[in-house]
Amino acid sequence: MKLYTNAHSRGNTLLPLLKELDIENQVEIIQVDYKDLRNAEYLALNPMGKVPFLVDGDSVISETPAIFAYLADKFIEKGFTPALNDPKRGEYLKWLFFCHGPLTEMMDFKSLNVSPELAAQKKGSLSFGSEQLVYDFIKAGLSKANPYLLGDKISVADLFLAYWLVFAISFKIVPYLDEFKPFLKLIQQRDSVKDV
């Protein structure tokens, strides 16, 4: 497998995942300069012209949560994803889609300095609704974590949410709310993120 990424991209969230799954030696990391992403070579693989994307044989998997889910399924014996017939699978997918949908959209709005007034006017058509709704959703989920989102077993949904929150907090897009701290500290104790 080949992971095309950039040292300043969201692809960095995948590096601890490779450690968690113990597959670092099975994935070749290819660093791509942003200026090269419009080259025909890369557009043939990912017409969106962005990273990260994973190539596994003839398959090209783009979108970070899709790569998370794909690798967790491919290496299901590592125990980072619920089985297809496990009802917790729905909760697991909910968190992956939430992070890539409402949370990311809200982060983008804030990064682009879209005024709160304009966001409020468009609230009904935005997947995140409002910044407060996003925080309320995360806080409600974390209040039920035991200690992880799905119970006593970690999944890539935990890793993805934690990596995404740390990214957003580090760039001051999202505040480091007290309700986030126990969960993030739990994930930060893992060996896979100690060098990140």
N, C-alpha and C. Protein backbone atom coordinates (compact mmCIF):
# COMPACT_ATOMS: atom_id res chain seq x y z
N MET A 1 0.84 -1.18 0.00
CA MET A 1 0.00 0.00 0.00
C MET A 1 0.88 1.24 0.00
N LYS A 2 0.34 2.30 -0.60
CA LYS A 2 1.05 3.57 -0.65
C LYS A 2 0.13 4.66 -0.11
N LEU A 3 0.65 5.45 0.82
CA LEU A 3 -0.09 6.57 1.36
C LEU A 3 0.55 7.85 0.85
N TYR A 4 -0.22 8.56 0.03
CA TYR A 4 0.23 9.85 -0.50
C TYR A 4 -0.23 10.92 0.47
N THR A 5 0.70 11.75 0.92
CA THR A 5 0.36 12.73 1.94
C THR A 5 1.30 13.92 1.81
N ASN A 6 1.17 14.84 2.74
CA ASN A 6 2.05 15.99 2.84
C ASN A 6 2.24 16.24 4.33
N ALA A 7 3.43 16.64 4.69
CA ALA A 7 3.75 16.81 6.12
C ALA A 7 2.88 17.86 6.80
N HIS A 8 2.21 18.72 6.02
CA HIS A 8 1.35 19.76 6.59
C HIS A 8 -0.13 19.51 6.30
N SER A 9 -0.46 18.26 6.04
CA SER A 9 -1.84 17.94 5.67
C SER A 9 -2.54 17.13 6.76
N ARG A 10 -3.83 16.89 6.52
CA ARG A 10 -4.62 16.06 7.42
C ARG A 10 -4.13 14.61 7.41
N GLY A 11 -3.28 14.30 6.47
CA GLY A 11 -2.71 12.96 6.40
C GLY A 11 -1.90 12.61 7.64
N ASN A 12 -1.46 13.63 8.39
CA ASN A 12 -0.71 13.37 9.62
C ASN A 12 -1.54 12.58 10.62
N THR A 13 -2.86 12.70 10.56
CA THR A 13 -3.71 11.94 11.49
C THR A 13 -3.64 10.45 11.22
N LEU A 14 -3.17 10.08 10.03
CA LEU A 14 -3.08 8.65 9.70
C LEU A 14 -1.81 8.00 10.23
N LEU A 15 -0.79 8.76 10.52
CA LEU A 15 0.48 8.17 10.95
C LEU A 15 0.35 7.44 12.28
N PRO A 16 -0.31 8.01 13.30
CA PRO A 16 -0.51 7.23 14.53
C PRO A 16 -1.39 6.00 14.30
N LEU A 17 -2.34 6.10 13.36
CA LEU A 17 -3.19 4.95 13.06
C LEU A 17 -2.36 3.78 12.54
N LEU A 18 -1.38 4.07 11.68
CA LEU A 18 -0.52 3.00 11.17
C LEU A 18 0.21 2.32 12.31
N LYS A 19 0.62 3.10 13.32
CA LYS A 19 1.28 2.52 14.50
C LYS A 19 0.31 1.68 15.30
N GLU A 20 -0.91 2.20 15.50
CA GLU A 20 -1.92 1.46 16.27
C GLU A 20 -2.21 0.11 15.63
N LEU A 21 -2.30 0.09 14.32
CA LEU A 21 -2.60 -1.15 13.60
C LEU A 21 -1.35 -2.01 13.39
N ASP A 22 -0.18 -1.46 13.73
CA ASP A 22 1.10 -2.16 13.57
C ASP A 22 1.33 -2.55 12.11
N ILE A 23 1.09 -1.58 11.21
CA ILE A 23 1.25 -1.85 9.77
C ILE A 23 2.19 -0.84 9.11
N GLU A 24 3.00 -0.17 9.91
CA GLU A 24 3.90 0.84 9.34
C GLU A 24 4.78 0.25 8.25
N ASN A 25 5.19 -1.00 8.42
CA ASN A 25 6.07 -1.63 7.42
C ASN A 25 5.31 -2.09 6.18
N GLN A 26 3.99 -1.98 6.18
CA GLN A 26 3.18 -2.39 5.03
C GLN A 26 2.70 -1.21 4.19
N VAL A 27 3.02 0.00 4.64
CA VAL A 27 2.55 1.20 3.94
C VAL A 27 3.74 2.08 3.60
N GLU A 28 3.91 2.34 2.31
CA GLU A 28 4.95 3.25 1.86
C GLU A 28 4.38 4.67 1.91
N ILE A 29 5.07 5.56 2.61
CA ILE A 29 4.64 6.95 2.72
C ILE A 29 5.28 7.76 1.60
N ILE A 30 4.45 8.39 0.79
CA ILE A 30 4.95 9.21 -0.31
C ILE A 30 4.56 10.66 -0.03
N GLN A 31 5.56 11.48 0.26
CA GLN A 31 5.32 12.90 0.52
C GLN A 31 5.16 13.63 -0.81
N VAL A 32 4.07 14.36 -0.94
CA VAL A 32 3.77 15.08 -2.18
C VAL A 32 3.74 16.57 -1.87
N ASP A 33 4.50 17.34 -2.63
CA ASP A 33 4.46 18.79 -2.48
C ASP A 33 3.12 19.28 -3.01
N TYR A 34 2.54 20.24 -2.32
CA TYR A 34 1.22 20.74 -2.72
C TYR A 34 1.21 21.21 -4.18
N LYS A 35 2.30 21.81 -4.64
CA LYS A 35 2.33 22.33 -6.01
C LYS A 35 2.27 21.20 -7.04
N ASP A 36 2.61 19.98 -6.62
CA ASP A 36 2.60 18.84 -7.55
C ASP A 36 1.26 18.14 -7.64
N LEU A 37 0.34 18.48 -6.74
CA LEU A 37 -0.93 17.76 -6.70
C LEU A 37 -1.80 18.00 -7.93
N ARG A 38 -1.48 19.02 -8.72
CA ARG A 38 -2.23 19.28 -9.97
C ARG A 38 -1.56 18.62 -11.18
N ASN A 39 -0.47 17.90 -10.93
CA ASN A 39 0.17 17.16 -12.02
C ASN A 39 -0.72 16.00 -12.44
N ALA A 40 -0.65 15.66 -13.71
CA ALA A 40 -1.50 14.60 -14.27
C ALA A 40 -1.34 13.29 -13.50
N GLU A 41 -0.12 13.01 -13.04
CA GLU A 41 0.15 11.76 -12.30
C GLU A 41 -0.75 11.65 -11.07
N TYR A 42 -0.88 12.73 -10.31
CA TYR A 42 -1.69 12.70 -9.09
C TYR A 42 -3.17 12.88 -9.37
N LEU A 43 -3.51 13.71 -10.36
CA LEU A 43 -4.92 13.90 -10.70
C LEU A 43 -5.53 12.61 -11.24
N ALA A 44 -4.71 11.77 -11.86
CA ALA A 44 -5.21 10.47 -12.33
C ALA A 44 -5.59 9.58 -11.16
N LEU A 45 -4.89 9.74 -10.05
CA LEU A 45 -5.19 8.96 -8.85
C LEU A 45 -6.31 9.61 -8.04
N ASN A 46 -6.22 10.92 -7.84
CA ASN A 46 -7.25 11.64 -7.07
C ASN A 46 -7.58 12.93 -7.81
N PRO A 47 -8.67 12.92 -8.58
CA PRO A 47 -9.04 14.10 -9.36
C PRO A 47 -9.31 15.35 -8.52
N MET A 48 -9.53 15.18 -7.20
CA MET A 48 -9.71 16.33 -6.33
C MET A 48 -8.39 17.08 -6.12
N GLY A 49 -7.27 16.44 -6.45
CA GLY A 49 -5.98 17.10 -6.32
C GLY A 49 -5.61 17.43 -4.89
N LYS A 50 -5.90 16.49 -3.98
CA LYS A 50 -5.57 16.73 -2.58
C LYS A 50 -5.06 15.45 -1.95
N VAL A 51 -4.45 15.59 -0.80
CA VAL A 51 -3.99 14.46 -0.01
C VAL A 51 -4.66 14.55 1.35
N PRO A 52 -4.73 13.45 2.08
CA PRO A 52 -4.14 12.14 1.79
C PRO A 52 -5.03 11.29 0.90
N PHE A 53 -4.38 10.32 0.27
CA PHE A 53 -5.10 9.22 -0.35
C PHE A 53 -4.21 7.98 -0.29
N LEU A 54 -4.89 6.85 -0.21
CA LEU A 54 -4.22 5.56 -0.05
C LEU A 54 -4.45 4.74 -1.30
N VAL A 55 -3.40 4.14 -1.80
CA VAL A 55 -3.51 3.23 -2.95
C VAL A 55 -3.22 1.83 -2.47
N ASP A 56 -4.19 0.95 -2.68
CA ASP A 56 -4.05 -0.46 -2.31
C ASP A 56 -4.42 -1.28 -3.53
N GLY A 57 -3.40 -1.76 -4.24
CA GLY A 57 -3.66 -2.46 -5.50
C GLY A 57 -4.25 -1.49 -6.51
N ASP A 58 -5.44 -1.83 -7.05
CA ASP A 58 -6.10 -0.97 -8.01
C ASP A 58 -7.05 0.03 -7.35
N SER A 59 -7.18 -0.05 -6.04
CA SER A 59 -8.12 0.83 -5.35
C SER A 59 -7.42 2.08 -4.83
N VAL A 60 -8.11 3.22 -5.01
CA VAL A 60 -7.63 4.49 -4.49
C VAL A 60 -8.67 4.96 -3.49
N ILE A 61 -8.25 5.13 -2.24
CA ILE A 61 -9.16 5.55 -1.19
C ILE A 61 -8.76 6.95 -0.76
N SER A 62 -9.64 7.91 -1.01
CA SER A 62 -9.41 9.28 -0.55
C SER A 62 -10.39 9.55 0.58
N GLU A 63 -10.31 10.72 1.16
CA GLU A 63 -11.10 11.16 2.30
C GLU A 63 -10.59 10.44 3.56
N THR A 64 -10.08 11.23 4.47
CA THR A 64 -9.41 10.70 5.65
C THR A 64 -10.23 9.68 6.44
N PRO A 65 -11.51 9.94 6.75
CA PRO A 65 -12.25 8.93 7.52
C PRO A 65 -12.48 7.64 6.73
N ALA A 66 -12.54 7.75 5.40
CA ALA A 66 -12.67 6.54 4.59
C ALA A 66 -11.41 5.70 4.70
N ILE A 67 -10.26 6.36 4.75
CA ILE A 67 -8.99 5.63 4.92
C ILE A 67 -8.94 4.99 6.30
N PHE A 68 -9.37 5.73 7.32
CA PHE A 68 -9.44 5.17 8.67
C PHE A 68 -10.30 3.90 8.68
N ALA A 69 -11.51 4.02 8.13
CA ALA A 69 -12.44 2.89 8.14
C ALA A 69 -11.91 1.73 7.31
N TYR A 70 -11.33 2.05 6.15
CA TYR A 70 -10.81 1.01 5.27
C TYR A 70 -9.70 0.21 5.96
N LEU A 71 -8.76 0.92 6.56
CA LEU A 71 -7.65 0.21 7.21
C LEU A 71 -8.12 -0.58 8.43
N ALA A 72 -9.06 -0.01 9.18
CA ALA A 72 -9.58 -0.75 10.34
C ALA A 72 -10.28 -2.03 9.89
N ASP A 73 -11.01 -1.96 8.78
CA ASP A 73 -11.69 -3.15 8.25
C ASP A 73 -10.69 -4.14 7.65
N LYS A 74 -9.73 -3.62 6.93
CA LYS A 74 -8.73 -4.50 6.29
C LYS A 74 -7.96 -5.30 7.34
N PHE A 75 -7.71 -4.65 8.48
CA PHE A 75 -6.97 -5.30 9.56
C PHE A 75 -7.90 -5.48 10.76
N ILE A 76 -9.07 -6.04 10.51
CA ILE A 76 -10.11 -6.16 11.53
C ILE A 76 -9.66 -6.99 12.73
N GLU A 77 -8.70 -7.88 12.49
CA GLU A 77 -8.20 -8.71 13.59
C GLU A 77 -7.49 -7.87 14.66
N LYS A 78 -7.13 -6.63 14.33
CA LYS A 78 -6.48 -5.75 15.31
C LYS A 78 -7.49 -5.19 16.32
N GLY A 79 -8.79 -5.31 16.01
CA GLY A 79 -9.82 -4.95 16.97
C GLY A 79 -10.17 -3.48 17.07
N PHE A 80 -9.95 -2.69 16.02
CA PHE A 80 -10.23 -1.25 16.08
C PHE A 80 -11.54 -0.86 15.41
N THR A 81 -12.34 -1.85 15.04
CA THR A 81 -13.63 -1.55 14.42
C THR A 81 -14.64 -2.61 14.83
N PRO A 82 -15.91 -2.22 15.04
CA PRO A 82 -16.93 -3.23 15.32
C PRO A 82 -17.19 -4.07 14.07
N ALA A 83 -17.61 -5.29 14.27
CA ALA A 83 -17.95 -6.17 13.14
C ALA A 83 -19.13 -5.59 12.37
N LEU A 84 -19.29 -6.02 11.13
CA LEU A 84 -20.36 -5.50 10.28
C LEU A 84 -21.74 -5.70 10.89
N ASN A 85 -21.94 -6.79 11.62
CA ASN A 85 -23.26 -7.08 12.19
C ASN A 85 -23.40 -6.62 13.64
N ASP A 86 -22.43 -5.89 14.15
CA ASP A 86 -22.49 -5.37 15.51
C ASP A 86 -23.26 -4.05 15.50
N PRO A 87 -24.31 -3.91 16.34
CA PRO A 87 -25.06 -2.65 16.37
C PRO A 87 -24.19 -1.43 16.67
N LYS A 88 -23.06 -1.63 17.35
CA LYS A 88 -22.17 -0.50 17.64
C LYS A 88 -21.52 0.04 16.37
N ARG A 89 -21.61 -0.73 15.30
CA ARG A 89 -21.04 -0.27 14.02
C ARG A 89 -21.70 1.05 13.59
N GLY A 90 -23.00 1.17 13.82
CA GLY A 90 -23.70 2.41 13.47
C GLY A 90 -23.17 3.60 14.24
N GLU A 91 -22.96 3.42 15.54
CA GLU A 91 -22.40 4.50 16.36
C GLU A 91 -20.99 4.88 15.88
N TYR A 92 -20.23 3.85 15.57
CA TYR A 92 -18.86 4.04 15.07
C TYR A 92 -18.86 4.87 13.79
N LEU A 93 -19.72 4.50 12.84
CA LEU A 93 -19.80 5.24 11.58
C LEU A 93 -20.32 6.65 11.81
N LYS A 94 -21.25 6.80 12.74
CA LYS A 94 -21.78 8.13 13.06
C LYS A 94 -20.64 9.08 13.42
N TRP A 95 -19.71 8.62 14.26
CA TRP A 95 -18.62 9.50 14.69
C TRP A 95 -17.67 9.82 13.54
N LEU A 96 -17.38 8.85 12.68
CA LEU A 96 -16.50 9.13 11.54
C LEU A 96 -17.15 10.17 10.62
N PHE A 97 -18.46 9.98 10.33
CA PHE A 97 -19.15 10.91 9.45
C PHE A 97 -19.34 12.28 10.11
N PHE A 98 -19.59 12.30 11.41
CA PHE A 98 -19.73 13.57 12.13
C PHE A 98 -18.43 14.37 12.03
N CYS A 99 -17.30 13.71 12.28
CA CYS A 99 -16.02 14.42 12.24
C CYS A 99 -15.74 15.00 10.86
N HIS A 100 -16.03 14.21 9.83
CA HIS A 100 -15.73 14.66 8.47
C HIS A 100 -16.80 15.60 7.93
N GLY A 101 -18.01 15.55 8.53
CA GLY A 101 -19.11 16.39 8.07
C GLY A 101 -19.26 17.63 8.93
N PRO A 102 -20.18 17.61 9.91
CA PRO A 102 -20.45 18.81 10.70
C PRO A 102 -19.23 19.43 11.38
N LEU A 103 -18.39 18.63 12.00
CA LEU A 103 -17.23 19.20 12.71
C LEU A 103 -16.29 19.89 11.73
N THR A 104 -15.98 19.24 10.61
CA THR A 104 -15.07 19.83 9.63
C THR A 104 -15.68 21.07 8.99
N GLU A 105 -16.97 21.03 8.68
CA GLU A 105 -17.62 22.19 8.09
C GLU A 105 -17.56 23.38 9.05
N MET A 106 -17.84 23.13 10.32
CA MET A 106 -17.77 24.20 11.31
C MET A 106 -16.34 24.75 11.41
N MET A 107 -15.35 23.86 11.42
CA MET A 107 -13.96 24.29 11.48
C MET A 107 -13.61 25.15 10.26
N ASP A 108 -14.08 24.73 9.09
CA ASP A 108 -13.80 25.49 7.86
C ASP A 108 -14.44 26.88 7.92
N PHE A 109 -15.67 26.95 8.41
CA PHE A 109 -16.34 28.25 8.53
C PHE A 109 -15.52 29.17 9.43
N LYS A 110 -15.04 28.63 10.54
CA LYS A 110 -14.27 29.47 11.46
C LYS A 110 -12.93 29.87 10.84
N SER A 111 -12.28 28.94 10.14
CA SER A 111 -10.99 29.24 9.52
C SER A 111 -11.13 30.30 8.43
N LEU A 112 -12.26 30.29 7.74
CA LEU A 112 -12.51 31.26 6.67
C LEU A 112 -13.09 32.57 7.19
N ASN A 113 -13.23 32.66 8.52
CA ASN A 113 -13.77 33.86 9.16
C ASN A 113 -15.17 34.23 8.66
N VAL A 114 -15.98 33.20 8.41
CA VAL A 114 -17.39 33.46 8.09
C VAL A 114 -18.03 34.03 9.36
N SER A 115 -18.71 35.12 9.21
CA SER A 115 -19.25 35.79 10.40
C SER A 115 -20.30 34.91 11.08
N PRO A 116 -20.35 34.95 12.41
CA PRO A 116 -21.38 34.21 13.14
C PRO A 116 -22.79 34.59 12.70
N GLU A 117 -22.96 35.85 12.30
CA GLU A 117 -24.28 36.31 11.86
C GLU A 117 -24.69 35.62 10.56
N LEU A 118 -23.76 35.53 9.61
CA LEU A 118 -24.06 34.85 8.34
C LEU A 118 -24.31 33.36 8.59
N ALA A 119 -23.48 32.75 9.43
CA ALA A 119 -23.67 31.33 9.75
C ALA A 119 -25.04 31.11 10.39
N ALA A 120 -25.45 32.03 11.27
CA ALA A 120 -26.76 31.91 11.92
C ALA A 120 -27.89 32.02 10.91
N GLN A 121 -27.73 32.91 9.92
CA GLN A 121 -28.75 33.06 8.87
C GLN A 121 -28.90 31.77 8.06
N LYS A 122 -27.79 31.05 7.85
CA LYS A 122 -27.78 29.85 7.01
C LYS A 122 -27.88 28.57 7.83
N LYS A 123 -28.11 28.70 9.12
CA LYS A 123 -28.08 27.58 10.06
C LYS A 123 -28.86 26.35 9.58
N GLY A 124 -30.03 26.57 9.01
CA GLY A 124 -30.87 25.44 8.59
C GLY A 124 -30.30 24.63 7.45
N SER A 125 -29.41 25.23 6.65
CA SER A 125 -28.86 24.50 5.51
C SER A 125 -27.43 24.01 5.73
N LEU A 126 -26.90 24.28 6.92
CA LEU A 126 -25.54 23.84 7.22
C LEU A 126 -25.58 22.52 7.96
N SER A 127 -24.66 21.62 7.62
CA SER A 127 -24.65 20.32 8.31
C SER A 127 -24.31 20.47 9.79
N PHE A 128 -23.59 21.53 10.15
CA PHE A 128 -23.22 21.68 11.57
C PHE A 128 -24.24 22.49 12.35
N GLY A 129 -25.16 23.17 11.67
CA GLY A 129 -26.18 23.94 12.36
C GLY A 129 -25.61 25.17 13.03
N SER A 130 -24.90 24.99 14.11
CA SER A 130 -24.22 26.09 14.79
C SER A 130 -23.03 25.53 15.55
N GLU A 131 -22.12 26.41 15.88
CA GLU A 131 -20.93 25.99 16.63
C GLU A 131 -21.33 25.34 17.95
N GLN A 132 -22.31 25.93 18.63
CA GLN A 132 -22.74 25.39 19.91
C GLN A 132 -23.32 23.99 19.76
N LEU A 133 -24.08 23.75 18.70
CA LEU A 133 -24.64 22.41 18.48
C LEU A 133 -23.55 21.36 18.30
N VAL A 134 -22.47 21.74 17.61
CA VAL A 134 -21.34 20.82 17.42
C VAL A 134 -20.72 20.48 18.77
N TYR A 135 -20.48 21.49 19.59
CA TYR A 135 -19.89 21.24 20.90
C TYR A 135 -20.83 20.42 21.78
N ASP A 136 -22.13 20.71 21.71
CA ASP A 136 -23.10 19.95 22.50
C ASP A 136 -23.12 18.48 22.08
N PHE A 137 -23.01 18.22 20.78
CA PHE A 137 -22.99 16.85 20.28
C PHE A 137 -21.78 16.10 20.82
N ILE A 138 -20.60 16.74 20.74
CA ILE A 138 -19.38 16.09 21.22
C ILE A 138 -19.46 15.87 22.73
N LYS A 139 -19.88 16.89 23.46
CA LYS A 139 -19.97 16.77 24.91
C LYS A 139 -20.94 15.66 25.32
N ALA A 140 -22.07 15.55 24.62
CA ALA A 140 -23.04 14.49 24.94
C ALA A 140 -22.43 13.12 24.69
N GLY A 141 -21.71 12.97 23.58
CA GLY A 141 -21.07 11.69 23.28
C GLY A 141 -20.00 11.34 24.28
N LEU A 142 -19.19 12.32 24.64
CA LEU A 142 -18.10 12.07 25.59
C LEU A 142 -18.63 11.81 27.00
N SER A 143 -19.79 12.38 27.33
CA SER A 143 -20.36 12.14 28.66
C SER A 143 -20.81 10.68 28.81
N LYS A 144 -21.04 10.01 27.68
CA LYS A 144 -21.45 8.60 27.71
C LYS A 144 -20.27 7.66 27.48
N ALA A 145 -19.09 8.22 27.15
CA ALA A 145 -17.92 7.38 26.88
C ALA A 145 -17.56 6.59 28.14
N ASN A 146 -17.14 5.34 27.92
CA ASN A 146 -16.92 4.46 29.07
C ASN A 146 -15.71 3.54 28.88
N PRO A 147 -14.50 3.97 28.77
CA PRO A 147 -14.07 5.36 28.65
C PRO A 147 -14.06 5.84 27.20
N TYR A 148 -14.31 4.90 26.25
CA TYR A 148 -14.28 5.23 24.83
C TYR A 148 -15.69 5.44 24.30
N LEU A 149 -15.81 5.96 23.10
CA LEU A 149 -17.10 6.29 22.51
C LEU A 149 -18.04 5.09 22.45
N LEU A 150 -17.49 3.89 22.21
CA LEU A 150 -18.33 2.70 22.08
C LEU A 150 -18.33 1.83 23.33
N GLY A 151 -17.69 2.30 24.39
CA GLY A 151 -17.64 1.51 25.62
C GLY A 151 -16.23 1.29 26.08
N ASP A 152 -15.90 0.04 26.45
CA ASP A 152 -14.58 -0.22 27.04
C ASP A 152 -13.51 -0.56 26.01
N LYS A 153 -13.87 -0.56 24.72
CA LYS A 153 -12.92 -0.92 23.67
C LYS A 153 -12.69 0.25 22.74
N ILE A 154 -11.44 0.58 22.50
CA ILE A 154 -11.10 1.69 21.61
C ILE A 154 -11.41 1.31 20.16
N SER A 155 -11.77 2.30 19.37
CA SER A 155 -11.97 2.09 17.93
C SER A 155 -11.31 3.24 17.19
N VAL A 156 -11.25 3.12 15.85
CA VAL A 156 -10.67 4.23 15.10
C VAL A 156 -11.55 5.47 15.18
N ALA A 157 -12.81 5.33 15.56
CA ALA A 157 -13.66 6.52 15.77
C ALA A 157 -13.09 7.37 16.90
N ASP A 158 -12.61 6.73 17.97
CA ASP A 158 -11.98 7.47 19.07
C ASP A 158 -10.72 8.18 18.58
N LEU A 159 -9.92 7.45 17.84
CA LEU A 159 -8.66 8.02 17.35
C LEU A 159 -8.93 9.20 16.43
N PHE A 160 -9.88 9.04 15.52
CA PHE A 160 -10.16 10.10 14.56
C PHE A 160 -10.71 11.34 15.26
N LEU A 161 -11.66 11.16 16.16
CA LEU A 161 -12.21 12.31 16.89
C LEU A 161 -11.10 13.00 17.68
N ALA A 162 -10.29 12.24 18.38
CA ALA A 162 -9.23 12.84 19.20
C ALA A 162 -8.22 13.58 18.33
N TYR A 163 -7.76 12.94 17.25
CA TYR A 163 -6.77 13.59 16.39
C TYR A 163 -7.35 14.89 15.82
N TRP A 164 -8.61 14.86 15.44
CA TRP A 164 -9.25 16.01 14.82
C TRP A 164 -9.42 17.14 15.83
N LEU A 165 -9.83 16.79 17.05
CA LEU A 165 -9.97 17.81 18.09
C LEU A 165 -8.61 18.44 18.43
N VAL A 166 -7.59 17.61 18.56
CA VAL A 166 -6.26 18.14 18.88
C VAL A 166 -5.78 19.08 17.78
N PHE A 167 -6.02 18.69 16.54
CA PHE A 167 -5.66 19.54 15.40
C PHE A 167 -6.38 20.88 15.50
N ALA A 168 -7.70 20.83 15.72
CA ALA A 168 -8.50 22.05 15.78
C ALA A 168 -8.14 22.92 16.98
N ILE A 169 -7.86 22.28 18.11
CA ILE A 169 -7.48 23.03 19.31
C ILE A 169 -6.11 23.69 19.12
N SER A 170 -5.18 22.95 18.50
CA SER A 170 -3.82 23.49 18.33
C SER A 170 -3.81 24.72 17.42
N PHE A 171 -4.78 24.79 16.47
CA PHE A 171 -4.87 25.96 15.59
C PHE A 171 -5.89 26.98 16.10
N LYS A 172 -6.35 26.78 17.34
CA LYS A 172 -7.28 27.70 18.00
C LYS A 172 -8.59 27.87 17.21
N ILE A 173 -8.99 26.80 16.55
CA ILE A 173 -10.28 26.79 15.84
C ILE A 173 -11.37 26.35 16.80
N VAL A 174 -11.02 25.44 17.69
CA VAL A 174 -11.94 24.88 18.68
C VAL A 174 -11.33 25.12 20.06
N PRO A 175 -12.14 25.54 21.04
CA PRO A 175 -11.59 25.73 22.39
C PRO A 175 -11.33 24.39 23.08
N TYR A 176 -10.39 24.39 23.98
CA TYR A 176 -10.07 23.18 24.75
C TYR A 176 -11.04 23.12 25.93
N LEU A 177 -12.23 22.65 25.66
CA LEU A 177 -13.29 22.61 26.66
C LEU A 177 -12.97 21.57 27.74
N ASP A 178 -13.39 21.86 28.96
CA ASP A 178 -13.15 20.94 30.07
C ASP A 178 -13.73 19.55 29.77
N GLU A 179 -14.86 19.51 29.09
CA GLU A 179 -15.49 18.22 28.79
C GLU A 179 -14.66 17.37 27.83
N PHE A 180 -13.76 17.98 27.07
CA PHE A 180 -12.91 17.24 26.13
C PHE A 180 -11.68 16.64 26.82
N LYS A 181 -11.26 17.25 27.93
CA LYS A 181 -9.95 16.95 28.50
C LYS A 181 -9.75 15.50 28.92
N PRO A 182 -10.67 14.86 29.66
CA PRO A 182 -10.42 13.47 30.07
C PRO A 182 -10.24 12.53 28.87
N PHE A 183 -11.07 12.71 27.85
CA PHE A 183 -10.99 11.86 26.66
C PHE A 183 -9.68 12.08 25.92
N LEU A 184 -9.32 13.33 25.70
CA LEU A 184 -8.09 13.61 24.97
C LEU A 184 -6.86 13.15 25.74
N LYS A 185 -6.88 13.31 27.05
CA LYS A 185 -5.74 12.84 27.86
C LYS A 185 -5.62 11.32 27.79
N LEU A 186 -6.76 10.64 27.74
CA LEU A 186 -6.76 9.17 27.61
C LEU A 186 -6.09 8.75 26.30
N ILE A 187 -6.46 9.40 25.21
CA ILE A 187 -5.88 9.05 23.91
C ILE A 187 -4.41 9.45 23.86
N GLN A 188 -4.04 10.58 24.47
CA GLN A 188 -2.65 11.06 24.44
C GLN A 188 -1.70 10.15 25.22
N GLN A 189 -2.24 9.26 26.04
CA GLN A 189 -1.40 8.31 26.77
C GLN A 189 -0.95 7.14 25.88
N ARG A 190 -1.55 7.02 24.70
CA ARG A 190 -1.24 5.88 23.84
C ARG A 190 0.13 6.04 23.21
N ASP A 191 0.87 4.95 23.09
CA ASP A 191 2.21 5.00 22.52
C ASP A 191 2.23 5.58 21.11
N SER A 192 1.17 5.36 20.35
CA SER A 192 1.16 5.80 18.95
C SER A 192 1.20 7.31 18.79
N VAL A 193 0.83 8.05 19.83
CA VAL A 193 0.80 9.51 19.69
C VAL A 193 1.86 10.22 20.52
N LYS A 194 2.66 9.48 21.23
CA LYS A 194 3.63 10.11 22.12
C LYS A 194 4.70 10.88 21.37
N ASP A 195 5.02 10.50 20.15
CA ASP A 195 6.05 11.20 19.38
C ASP A 195 5.45 12.20 18.40
N VAL A 196 4.12 12.34 18.41
CA VAL A 196 3.48 13.20 17.41
C VAL A 196 3.41 14.63 17.90
